[in-house]
All heavy atoms as atom14 arrays in JSON, in Angstrom:
{
  "sequence": "VGDLTERETEVLSLIAQGLSNGEIAERLVVAEQTVKSHVGRILV",
  "atom14_mask": [
    [1, 1, 1, 1, 1, 1, 1, 0, 0, 0, 0, 0, 0, 0],
    [1, 1, 1, 1, 0, 0, 0, 0, 0, 0, 0, 0, 0, 0],
    [1, 1, 1, 1, 1, 1, 1, 1, 0, 0, 0, 0, 0, 0],
    [1, 1, 1, 1, 1, 1, 1, 1, 0, 0, 0, 0, 0, 0],
    [1, 1, 1, 1, 1, 1, 1, 0, 0, 0, 0, 0, 0, 0],
    [1, 1, 1, 1, 1, 1, 1, 1, 1, 0, 0, 0, 0, 0],
    [1, 1, 1, 1, 1, 1, 1, 1, 1, 1, 1, 0, 0, 0],
    [1, 1, 1, 1, 1, 1, 1, 1, 1, 0, 0, 0, 0, 0],
    [1, 1, 1, 1, 1, 1, 1, 0, 0, 0, 0, 0, 0, 0],
    [1, 1, 1, 1, 1, 1, 1, 1, 1, 0, 0, 0, 0, 0],
    [1, 1, 1, 1, 1, 1, 1, 0, 0, 0, 0, 0, 0, 0],
    [1, 1, 1, 1, 1, 1, 1, 1, 0, 0, 0, 0, 0, 0],
    [1, 1, 1, 1, 1, 1, 0, 0, 0, 0, 0, 0, 0, 0],
    [1, 1, 1, 1, 1, 1, 1, 1, 0, 0, 0, 0, 0, 0],
    [1, 1, 1, 1, 1, 1, 1, 1, 0, 0, 0, 0, 0, 0],
    [1, 1, 1, 1, 1, 0, 0, 0, 0, 0, 0, 0, 0, 0],
    [1, 1, 1, 1, 1, 1, 1, 1, 1, 0, 0, 0, 0, 0],
    [1, 1, 1, 1, 0, 0, 0, 0, 0, 0, 0, 0, 0, 0],
    [1, 1, 1, 1, 1, 1, 1, 1, 0, 0, 0, 0, 0, 0],
    [1, 1, 1, 1, 1, 1, 0, 0, 0, 0, 0, 0, 0, 0],
    [1, 1, 1, 1, 1, 1, 1, 1, 0, 0, 0, 0, 0, 0],
    [1, 1, 1, 1, 0, 0, 0, 0, 0, 0, 0, 0, 0, 0],
    [1, 1, 1, 1, 1, 1, 1, 1, 1, 0, 0, 0, 0, 0],
    [1, 1, 1, 1, 1, 1, 1, 1, 0, 0, 0, 0, 0, 0],
    [1, 1, 1, 1, 1, 0, 0, 0, 0, 0, 0, 0, 0, 0],
    [1, 1, 1, 1, 1, 1, 1, 1, 1, 0, 0, 0, 0, 0],
    [1, 1, 1, 1, 1, 1, 1, 1, 1, 1, 1, 0, 0, 0],
    [1, 1, 1, 1, 1, 1, 1, 1, 0, 0, 0, 0, 0, 0],
    [1, 1, 1, 1, 1, 1, 1, 0, 0, 0, 0, 0, 0, 0],
    [1, 1, 1, 1, 1, 1, 1, 0, 0, 0, 0, 0, 0, 0],
    [1, 1, 1, 1, 1, 0, 0, 0, 0, 0, 0, 0, 0, 0],
    [1, 1, 1, 1, 1, 1, 1, 1, 1, 0, 0, 0, 0, 0],
    [1, 1, 1, 1, 1, 1, 1, 1, 1, 0, 0, 0, 0, 0],
    [1, 1, 1, 1, 1, 1, 1, 0, 0, 0, 0, 0, 0, 0],
    [1, 1, 1, 1, 1, 1, 1, 0, 0, 0, 0, 0, 0, 0],
    [1, 1, 1, 1, 1, 1, 1, 1, 1, 0, 0, 0, 0, 0],
    [1, 1, 1, 1, 1, 1, 0, 0, 0, 0, 0, 0, 0, 0],
    [1, 1, 1, 1, 1, 1, 1, 1, 1, 1, 0, 0, 0, 0],
    [1, 1, 1, 1, 1, 1, 1, 0, 0, 0, 0, 0, 0, 0],
    [1, 1, 1, 1, 0, 0, 0, 0, 0, 0, 0, 0, 0, 0],
    [1, 1, 1, 1, 1, 1, 1, 1, 1, 1, 1, 0, 0, 0],
    [1, 1, 1, 1, 1, 1, 1, 1, 0, 0, 0, 0, 0, 0],
    [1, 1, 1, 1, 1, 1, 1, 1, 0, 0, 0, 0, 0, 0],
    [1, 1, 1, 1, 1, 1, 1, 0, 0, 0, 0, 0, 0, 0]
  ],
  "atom14_positions": [
    [[-5.82, -3.21, 1.25], [-6.42, -2.26, 0.3], [-7.93, -2.13, 0.56], [-8.48, -1.02, 0.37], [-6.17, -2.72, -1.18], [-6.86, -1.72, -2.15], [-4.67, -2.76, -1.45], [0.0, 0.0, 0.0], [0.0, 0.0, 0.0], [0.0, 0.0, 0.0], [0.0, 0.0, 0.0], [0.0, 0.0, 0.0], [0.0, 0.0, 0.0], [0.0, 0.0, 0.0]],
    [[-8.53, -3.16, 1.06], [-9.95, -3.16, 1.31], [-10.33, -2.18, 2.42], [-11.53, -1.86, 2.54], [0.0, 0.0, 0.0], [0.0, 0.0, 0.0], [0.0, 0.0, 0.0], [0.0, 0.0, 0.0], [0.0, 0.0, 0.0], [0.0, 0.0, 0.0], [0.0, 0.0, 0.0], [0.0, 0.0, 0.0], [0.0, 0.0, 0.0], [0.0, 0.0, 0.0]],
    [[-9.36, -1.71, 3.21], [-9.69, -0.74, 4.25], [-9.91, 0.66, 3.67], [-10.37, 1.57, 4.35], [-8.51, -0.69, 5.24], [-8.34, -2.0, 6.0], [-9.35, -2.74, 6.12], [-7.24, -2.25, 6.5], [0.0, 0.0, 0.0], [0.0, 0.0, 0.0], [0.0, 0.0, 0.0], [0.0, 0.0, 0.0], [0.0, 0.0, 0.0], [0.0, 0.0, 0.0]],
    [[-9.53, 0.84, 2.41], [-9.61, 2.16, 1.77], [-10.96, 2.35, 1.11], [-11.56, 1.4, 0.61], [-8.5, 2.36, 0.76], [-7.04, 2.19, 1.21], [-6.1, 2.4, 0.04], [-6.76, 3.18, 2.36], [0.0, 0.0, 0.0], [0.0, 0.0, 0.0], [0.0, 0.0, 0.0], [0.0, 0.0, 0.0], [0.0, 0.0, 0.0], [0.0, 0.0, 0.0]],
    [[-11.43, 3.63, 1.08], [-12.59, 3.95, 0.3], [-12.19, 3.94, -1.19], [-11.07, 3.87, -1.55], [-13.12, 5.32, 0.68], [-12.16, 6.35, 0.3], [-13.42, 5.42, 2.16], [0.0, 0.0, 0.0], [0.0, 0.0, 0.0], [0.0, 0.0, 0.0], [0.0, 0.0, 0.0], [0.0, 0.0, 0.0], [0.0, 0.0, 0.0], [0.0, 0.0, 0.0]],
    [[-13.26, 4.0, -2.02], [-12.99, 4.01, -3.45], [-12.16, 5.26, -3.86], [-11.22, 5.12, -4.66], [-14.33, 4.05, -4.25], [-14.18, 4.01, -5.76], [-15.52, 3.89, -6.45], [-16.52, 3.65, -5.78], [-15.53, 4.18, -7.69], [0.0, 0.0, 0.0], [0.0, 0.0, 0.0], [0.0, 0.0, 0.0], [0.0, 0.0, 0.0], [0.0, 0.0, 0.0]],
    [[-12.42, 6.39, -3.28], [-11.71, 7.6, -3.61], [-10.26, 7.52, -3.08], [-9.32, 7.92, -3.74], [-12.4, 8.82, -3.04], [-11.7, 10.17, -3.28], [-11.16, 10.36, -4.68], [-12.17, 10.39, -5.7], [-12.71, 11.53, -6.15], [-12.42, 12.72, -5.69], [-13.59, 11.48, -7.16], [0.0, 0.0, 0.0], [0.0, 0.0, 0.0], [0.0, 0.0, 0.0]],
    [[-10.14, 6.96, -1.87], [-8.74, 6.83, -1.33], [-7.9, 5.85, -2.17], [-6.7, 6.08, -2.38], [-8.8, 6.32, 0.12], [-9.3, 7.34, 1.11], [-9.68, 6.81, 2.43], [-9.73, 5.56, 2.56], [-9.98, 7.6, 3.33], [0.0, 0.0, 0.0], [0.0, 0.0, 0.0], [0.0, 0.0, 0.0], [0.0, 0.0, 0.0], [0.0, 0.0, 0.0]],
    [[-8.55, 4.78, -2.68], [-7.84, 3.87, -3.57], [-7.38, 4.56, -4.83], [-6.28, 4.33, -5.36], [-8.72, 2.65, -3.89], [-9.15, 2.0, -2.7], [-8.03, 1.69, -4.79], [0.0, 0.0, 0.0], [0.0, 0.0, 0.0], [0.0, 0.0, 0.0], [0.0, 0.0, 0.0], [0.0, 0.0, 0.0], [0.0, 0.0, 0.0], [0.0, 0.0, 0.0]],
    [[-8.28, 5.42, -5.36], [-7.97, 6.18, -6.56], [-6.79, 7.12, -6.3], [-5.87, 7.24, -7.12], [-9.18, 6.98, -6.98], [-9.08, 7.64, -8.32], [-10.38, 8.3, -8.74], [-11.31, 8.5, -7.87], [-10.47, 8.75, -9.92], [0.0, 0.0, 0.0], [0.0, 0.0, 0.0], [0.0, 0.0, 0.0], [0.0, 0.0, 0.0], [0.0, 0.0, 0.0]],
    [[-6.78, 7.81, -5.15], [-5.7, 8.73, -4.82], [-4.43, 7.94, -4.62], [-3.35, 8.39, -5.12], [-6.03, 9.51, -3.52], [-4.82, 10.27, -3.03], [-7.21, 10.45, -3.76], [0.0, 0.0, 0.0], [0.0, 0.0, 0.0], [0.0, 0.0, 0.0], [0.0, 0.0, 0.0], [0.0, 0.0, 0.0], [0.0, 0.0, 0.0], [0.0, 0.0, 0.0]],
    [[-4.45, 6.77, -3.99], [-3.24, 5.96, -3.85], [-2.69, 5.54, -5.23], [-1.45, 5.62, -5.42], [-3.59, 4.73, -3.04], [-2.44, 3.67, -2.87], [-1.24, 4.29, -2.22], [-2.96, 2.49, -2.08], [0.0, 0.0, 0.0], [0.0, 0.0, 0.0], [0.0, 0.0, 0.0], [0.0, 0.0, 0.0], [0.0, 0.0, 0.0], [0.0, 0.0, 0.0]],
    [[-3.52, 5.2, -6.14], [-3.1, 4.85, -7.46], [-2.37, 6.04, -8.1], [-1.29, 5.87, -8.79], [-4.29, 4.41, -8.3], [-3.91, 4.17, -9.66], [0.0, 0.0, 0.0], [0.0, 0.0, 0.0], [0.0, 0.0, 0.0], [0.0, 0.0, 0.0], [0.0, 0.0, 0.0], [0.0, 0.0, 0.0], [0.0, 0.0, 0.0], [0.0, 0.0, 0.0]],
    [[-2.87, 7.23, -7.94], [-2.27, 8.4, -8.54], [-0.95, 8.76, -7.88], [0.01, 9.23, -8.52], [-3.28, 9.56, -8.51], [-4.5, 9.37, -9.34], [-5.51, 10.54, -9.14], [-4.17, 9.28, -10.83], [0.0, 0.0, 0.0], [0.0, 0.0, 0.0], [0.0, 0.0, 0.0], [0.0, 0.0, 0.0], [0.0, 0.0, 0.0], [0.0, 0.0, 0.0]],
    [[-0.87, 8.56, -6.56], [0.38, 8.8, -5.86], [1.45, 7.91, -6.43], [2.58, 8.3, -6.7], [0.21, 8.48, -4.33], [-0.65, 9.55, -3.64], [1.59, 8.41, -3.64], [-1.0, 9.21, -2.21], [0.0, 0.0, 0.0], [0.0, 0.0, 0.0], [0.0, 0.0, 0.0], [0.0, 0.0, 0.0], [0.0, 0.0, 0.0], [0.0, 0.0, 0.0]],
    [[1.08, 6.6, -6.64], [2.02, 5.63, -7.16], [2.47, 5.95, -8.58], [3.54, 5.46, -9.04], [1.43, 4.25, -7.08], [0.0, 0.0, 0.0], [0.0, 0.0, 0.0], [0.0, 0.0, 0.0], [0.0, 0.0, 0.0], [0.0, 0.0, 0.0], [0.0, 0.0, 0.0], [0.0, 0.0, 0.0], [0.0, 0.0, 0.0], [0.0, 0.0, 0.0]],
    [[1.68, 6.72, -9.27], [2.09, 7.12, -10.64], [2.96, 8.38, -10.64], [3.32, 8.88, -11.68], [0.84, 7.38, -11.49], [0.01, 6.1, -11.75], [-1.31, 6.37, -12.43], [-1.36, 7.03, -13.49], [-2.41, 5.93, -11.87], [0.0, 0.0, 0.0], [0.0, 0.0, 0.0], [0.0, 0.0, 0.0], [0.0, 0.0, 0.0], [0.0, 0.0, 0.0]],
    [[3.27, 8.88, -9.4], [4.19, 9.98, -9.32], [3.57, 11.34, -9.34], [4.24, 12.33, -9.47], [0.0, 0.0, 0.0], [0.0, 0.0, 0.0], [0.0, 0.0, 0.0], [0.0, 0.0, 0.0], [0.0, 0.0, 0.0], [0.0, 0.0, 0.0], [0.0, 0.0, 0.0], [0.0, 0.0, 0.0], [0.0, 0.0, 0.0], [0.0, 0.0, 0.0]],
    [[2.28, 11.43, -9.22], [1.58, 12.76, -9.25], [1.71, 13.44, -7.93], [1.61, 12.83, -6.87], [0.09, 12.57, -9.65], [-0.21, 12.5, -11.15], [0.38, 11.27, -11.75], [-1.76, 12.56, -11.36], [0.0, 0.0, 0.0], [0.0, 0.0, 0.0], [0.0, 0.0, 0.0], [0.0, 0.0, 0.0], [0.0, 0.0, 0.0], [0.0, 0.0, 0.0]],
    [[1.82, 14.76, -8.0], [1.87, 15.59, -6.77], [0.43, 15.8, -6.29], [-0.51, 15.5, -7.01], [2.52, 16.93, -7.1], [1.72, 17.69, -7.95], [0.0, 0.0, 0.0], [0.0, 0.0, 0.0], [0.0, 0.0, 0.0], [0.0, 0.0, 0.0], [0.0, 0.0, 0.0], [0.0, 0.0, 0.0], [0.0, 0.0, 0.0], [0.0, 0.0, 0.0]],
    [[0.3, 16.41, -5.08], [-1.05, 16.69, -4.59], [-1.81, 17.63, -5.55], [-3.02, 17.46, -5.77], [-0.96, 17.33, -3.19], [-0.68, 16.29, -2.11], [-0.72, 15.1, -2.37], [-0.36, 16.78, -0.95], [0.0, 0.0, 0.0], [0.0, 0.0, 0.0], [0.0, 0.0, 0.0], [0.0, 0.0, 0.0], [0.0, 0.0, 0.0], [0.0, 0.0, 0.0]],
    [[-1.07, 18.61, -6.05], [-1.71, 19.55, -7.0], [-2.21, 18.87, -8.26], [-3.26, 19.14, -8.74], [0.0, 0.0, 0.0], [0.0, 0.0, 0.0], [0.0, 0.0, 0.0], [0.0, 0.0, 0.0], [0.0, 0.0, 0.0], [0.0, 0.0, 0.0], [0.0, 0.0, 0.0], [0.0, 0.0, 0.0], [0.0, 0.0, 0.0], [0.0, 0.0, 0.0]],
    [[-1.38, 17.95, -8.79], [-1.72, 17.27, -10.02], [-2.9, 16.31, -9.75], [-3.79, 16.17, -10.64], [-0.52, 16.48, -10.54], [0.59, 17.39, -11.09], [1.88, 16.67, -11.33], [2.13, 15.62, -10.64], [2.69, 17.15, -12.13], [0.0, 0.0, 0.0], [0.0, 0.0, 0.0], [0.0, 0.0, 0.0], [0.0, 0.0, 0.0], [0.0, 0.0, 0.0]],
    [[-2.89, 15.67, -8.59], [-4.02, 14.81, -8.25], [-5.34, 15.63, -8.11], [-6.38, 15.21, -8.58], [-3.72, 14.05, -6.94], [-2.58, 13.08, -7.13], [-4.99, 13.26, -6.47], [-2.16, 12.4, -5.86], [0.0, 0.0, 0.0], [0.0, 0.0, 0.0], [0.0, 0.0, 0.0], [0.0, 0.0, 0.0], [0.0, 0.0, 0.0], [0.0, 0.0, 0.0]],
    [[-5.21, 16.78, -7.47], [-6.38, 17.62, -7.3], [-6.93, 18.05, -8.68], [-8.16, 18.07, -8.88], [-6.04, 18.87, -6.47], [0.0, 0.0, 0.0], [0.0, 0.0, 0.0], [0.0, 0.0, 0.0], [0.0, 0.0, 0.0], [0.0, 0.0, 0.0], [0.0, 0.0, 0.0], [0.0, 0.0, 0.0], [0.0, 0.0, 0.0], [0.0, 0.0, 0.0]],
    [[-6.06, 18.39, -9.58], [-6.5, 18.78, -10.93], [-7.15, 17.62, -11.65], [-8.16, 17.74, -12.33], [-5.27, 19.28, -11.7], [-5.63, 19.81, -13.1], [-4.4, 20.42, -13.79], [-3.38, 20.65, -13.11], [-4.51, 20.61, -15.03], [0.0, 0.0, 0.0], [0.0, 0.0, 0.0], [0.0, 0.0, 0.0], [0.0, 0.0, 0.0], [0.0, 0.0, 0.0]],
    [[-6.54, 16.41, -11.51], [-7.1, 15.21, -12.18], [-8.48, 14.86, -11.66], [-9.37, 14.47, -12.41], [-6.15, 14.06, -11.96], [-6.58, 12.71, -12.55], [-6.32, 12.62, -14.02], [-4.93, 12.71, -14.31], [-4.14, 11.66, -14.38], [-4.58, 10.43, -14.18], [-2.83, 11.82, -14.71], [0.0, 0.0, 0.0], [0.0, 0.0, 0.0], [0.0, 0.0, 0.0]],
    [[-8.67, 15.02, -10.33], [-9.94, 14.62, -9.75], [-10.94, 15.77, -9.58], [-12.05, 15.56, -9.11], [-9.67, 14.03, -8.35], [-8.77, 12.76, -8.28], [-8.6, 12.26, -6.85], [-9.35, 11.65, -9.15], [0.0, 0.0, 0.0], [0.0, 0.0, 0.0], [0.0, 0.0, 0.0], [0.0, 0.0, 0.0], [0.0, 0.0, 0.0], [0.0, 0.0, 0.0]],
    [[-10.46, 16.95, -9.96], [-11.3, 18.17, -9.86], [-11.78, 18.37, -8.42], [-12.99, 18.5, -8.17], [-12.49, 18.12, -10.85], [-13.12, 19.5, -11.03], [-12.1, 17.55, -12.2], [0.0, 0.0, 0.0], [0.0, 0.0, 0.0], [0.0, 0.0, 0.0], [0.0, 0.0, 0.0], [0.0, 0.0, 0.0], [0.0, 0.0, 0.0], [0.0, 0.0, 0.0]],
    [[-10.86, 18.36, -7.51], [-11.11, 18.7, -6.11], [-10.06, 19.66, -5.6], [-9.08, 19.93, -6.3], [-11.11, 17.41, -5.26], [-12.2, 16.47, -5.69], [-9.76, 16.72, -5.31], [0.0, 0.0, 0.0], [0.0, 0.0, 0.0], [0.0, 0.0, 0.0], [0.0, 0.0, 0.0], [0.0, 0.0, 0.0], [0.0, 0.0, 0.0], [0.0, 0.0, 0.0]],
    [[-10.25, 20.18, -4.41], [-9.29, 21.1, -3.78], [-8.03, 20.38, -3.4], [-8.11, 19.18, -2.98], [-9.89, 21.8, -2.61], [0.0, 0.0, 0.0], [0.0, 0.0, 0.0], [0.0, 0.0, 0.0], [0.0, 0.0, 0.0], [0.0, 0.0, 0.0], [0.0, 0.0, 0.0], [0.0, 0.0, 0.0], [0.0, 0.0, 0.0], [0.0, 0.0, 0.0]],
    [[-6.89, 21.02, -3.44], [-5.66, 20.38, -3.04], [-5.68, 19.97, -1.55], [-5.13, 18.94, -1.18], [-4.47, 21.29, -3.31], [-3.12, 20.64, -3.04], [-1.95, 21.47, -3.53], [-2.19, 22.42, -4.32], [-0.8, 21.18, -3.2], [0.0, 0.0, 0.0], [0.0, 0.0, 0.0], [0.0, 0.0, 0.0], [0.0, 0.0, 0.0], [0.0, 0.0, 0.0]],
    [[-6.37, 20.76, -0.75], [-6.44, 20.41, 0.68], [-7.22, 19.1, 0.85], [-6.93, 18.33, 1.75], [-7.14, 21.54, 1.45], [-7.21, 21.31, 2.94], [-5.82, 21.13, 3.56], [-4.88, 21.87, 3.28], [-5.64, 20.08, 4.37], [0.0, 0.0, 0.0], [0.0, 0.0, 0.0], [0.0, 0.0, 0.0], [0.0, 0.0, 0.0], [0.0, 0.0, 0.0]],
    [[-8.19, 18.85, -0.01], [-8.96, 17.6, 0.05], [-8.04, 16.43, -0.25], [-8.13, 15.39, 0.43], [-10.12, 17.65, -0.99], [-11.0, 18.73, -0.66], [-10.91, 16.37, -0.96], [0.0, 0.0, 0.0], [0.0, 0.0, 0.0], [0.0, 0.0, 0.0], [0.0, 0.0, 0.0], [0.0, 0.0, 0.0], [0.0, 0.0, 0.0], [0.0, 0.0, 0.0]],
    [[-7.18, 16.64, -1.23], [-6.19, 15.57, -1.56], [-5.28, 15.31, -0.39], [-5.01, 14.14, -0.05], [-5.38, 15.93, -2.82], [-4.3, 14.89, -3.07], [-6.29, 16.09, -4.04], [0.0, 0.0, 0.0], [0.0, 0.0, 0.0], [0.0, 0.0, 0.0], [0.0, 0.0, 0.0], [0.0, 0.0, 0.0], [0.0, 0.0, 0.0], [0.0, 0.0, 0.0]],
    [[-4.8, 16.35, 0.23], [-3.91, 16.21, 1.4], [-4.61, 15.4, 2.49], [-3.99, 14.54, 3.14], [-3.48, 17.56, 1.95], [-2.5, 18.31, 1.05], [-2.13, 19.64, 1.68], [-1.14, 20.43, 0.82], [-0.78, 21.72, 1.39], [0.0, 0.0, 0.0], [0.0, 0.0, 0.0], [0.0, 0.0, 0.0], [0.0, 0.0, 0.0], [0.0, 0.0, 0.0]],
    [[-5.88, 15.67, 2.67], [-6.66, 14.88, 3.71], [-6.77, 13.46, 3.36], [-6.59, 12.57, 4.2], [-8.06, 15.5, 3.88], [-8.01, 16.87, 4.32], [0.0, 0.0, 0.0], [0.0, 0.0, 0.0], [0.0, 0.0, 0.0], [0.0, 0.0, 0.0], [0.0, 0.0, 0.0], [0.0, 0.0, 0.0], [0.0, 0.0, 0.0], [0.0, 0.0, 0.0]],
    [[-6.99, 13.16, 2.02], [-7.06, 11.77, 1.59], [-5.71, 11.08, 1.82], [-5.66, 9.95, 2.27], [-7.42, 11.75, 0.1], [-8.87, 11.96, -0.18], [-9.87, 11.34, 0.51], [-9.46, 12.76, -1.12], [-11.06, 11.78, 0.02], [-10.84, 12.66, -0.98], [0.0, 0.0, 0.0], [0.0, 0.0, 0.0], [0.0, 0.0, 0.0], [0.0, 0.0, 0.0]],
    [[-4.62, 11.76, 1.44], [-3.29, 11.17, 1.56], [-3.02, 10.86, 3.03], [-2.53, 9.79, 3.37], [-2.21, 12.15, 1.03], [-0.79, 11.58, 1.35], [-2.37, 12.32, -0.46], [0.0, 0.0, 0.0], [0.0, 0.0, 0.0], [0.0, 0.0, 0.0], [0.0, 0.0, 0.0], [0.0, 0.0, 0.0], [0.0, 0.0, 0.0], [0.0, 0.0, 0.0]],
    [[-3.35, 11.79, 3.93], [-3.13, 11.54, 5.37], [-3.89, 10.31, 5.83], [-3.35, 9.53, 6.63], [0.0, 0.0, 0.0], [0.0, 0.0, 0.0], [0.0, 0.0, 0.0], [0.0, 0.0, 0.0], [0.0, 0.0, 0.0], [0.0, 0.0, 0.0], [0.0, 0.0, 0.0], [0.0, 0.0, 0.0], [0.0, 0.0, 0.0], [0.0, 0.0, 0.0]],
    [[-5.14, 10.17, 5.41], [-5.98, 8.99, 5.84], [-5.4, 7.74, 5.26], [-5.44, 6.68, 5.95], [-7.43, 9.24, 5.45], [-8.16, 10.23, 6.33], [-9.64, 10.11, 6.19], [-10.1, 10.51, 4.86], [-10.4, 11.75, 4.49], [-10.36, 12.72, 5.38], [-10.82, 12.01, 3.25], [0.0, 0.0, 0.0], [0.0, 0.0, 0.0], [0.0, 0.0, 0.0]],
    [[-4.94, 7.77, 4.05], [-4.39, 6.59, 3.39], [-3.15, 6.08, 4.21], [-3.05, 4.88, 4.5], [-3.97, 6.88, 1.92], [-5.22, 7.08, 1.09], [-3.06, 5.77, 1.38], [-4.87, 7.67, -0.3], [0.0, 0.0, 0.0], [0.0, 0.0, 0.0], [0.0, 0.0, 0.0], [0.0, 0.0, 0.0], [0.0, 0.0, 0.0], [0.0, 0.0, 0.0]],
    [[-2.29, 6.99, 4.55], [-1.05, 6.62, 5.27], [-1.42, 6.05, 6.65], [-0.82, 5.06, 7.08], [-0.13, 7.84, 5.44], [0.45, 8.42, 4.12], [1.33, 9.6, 4.44], [1.15, 7.41, 3.28], [0.0, 0.0, 0.0], [0.0, 0.0, 0.0], [0.0, 0.0, 0.0], [0.0, 0.0, 0.0], [0.0, 0.0, 0.0], [0.0, 0.0, 0.0]],
    [[-2.36, 6.66, 7.3], [-2.77, 6.14, 8.64], [-3.44, 4.78, 8.54], [-3.1, 3.87, 9.29], [-3.75, 7.17, 9.31], [-4.38, 6.54, 10.56], [-3.02, 8.43, 9.68], [0.0, 0.0, 0.0], [0.0, 0.0, 0.0], [0.0, 0.0, 0.0], [0.0, 0.0, 0.0], [0.0, 0.0, 0.0], [0.0, 0.0, 0.0], [0.0, 0.0, 0.0]]
  ]
}
């Protein structure tokens, strides 16, 4: 988990709560494409 940035950790937490990319984007007030980029980096 320490390999993740603070924002990536936050996104991972929201993924685990069952939120979609769109819902995460709304929660964090960012673009959905930004969330997709975070998700991709988290998985890698």
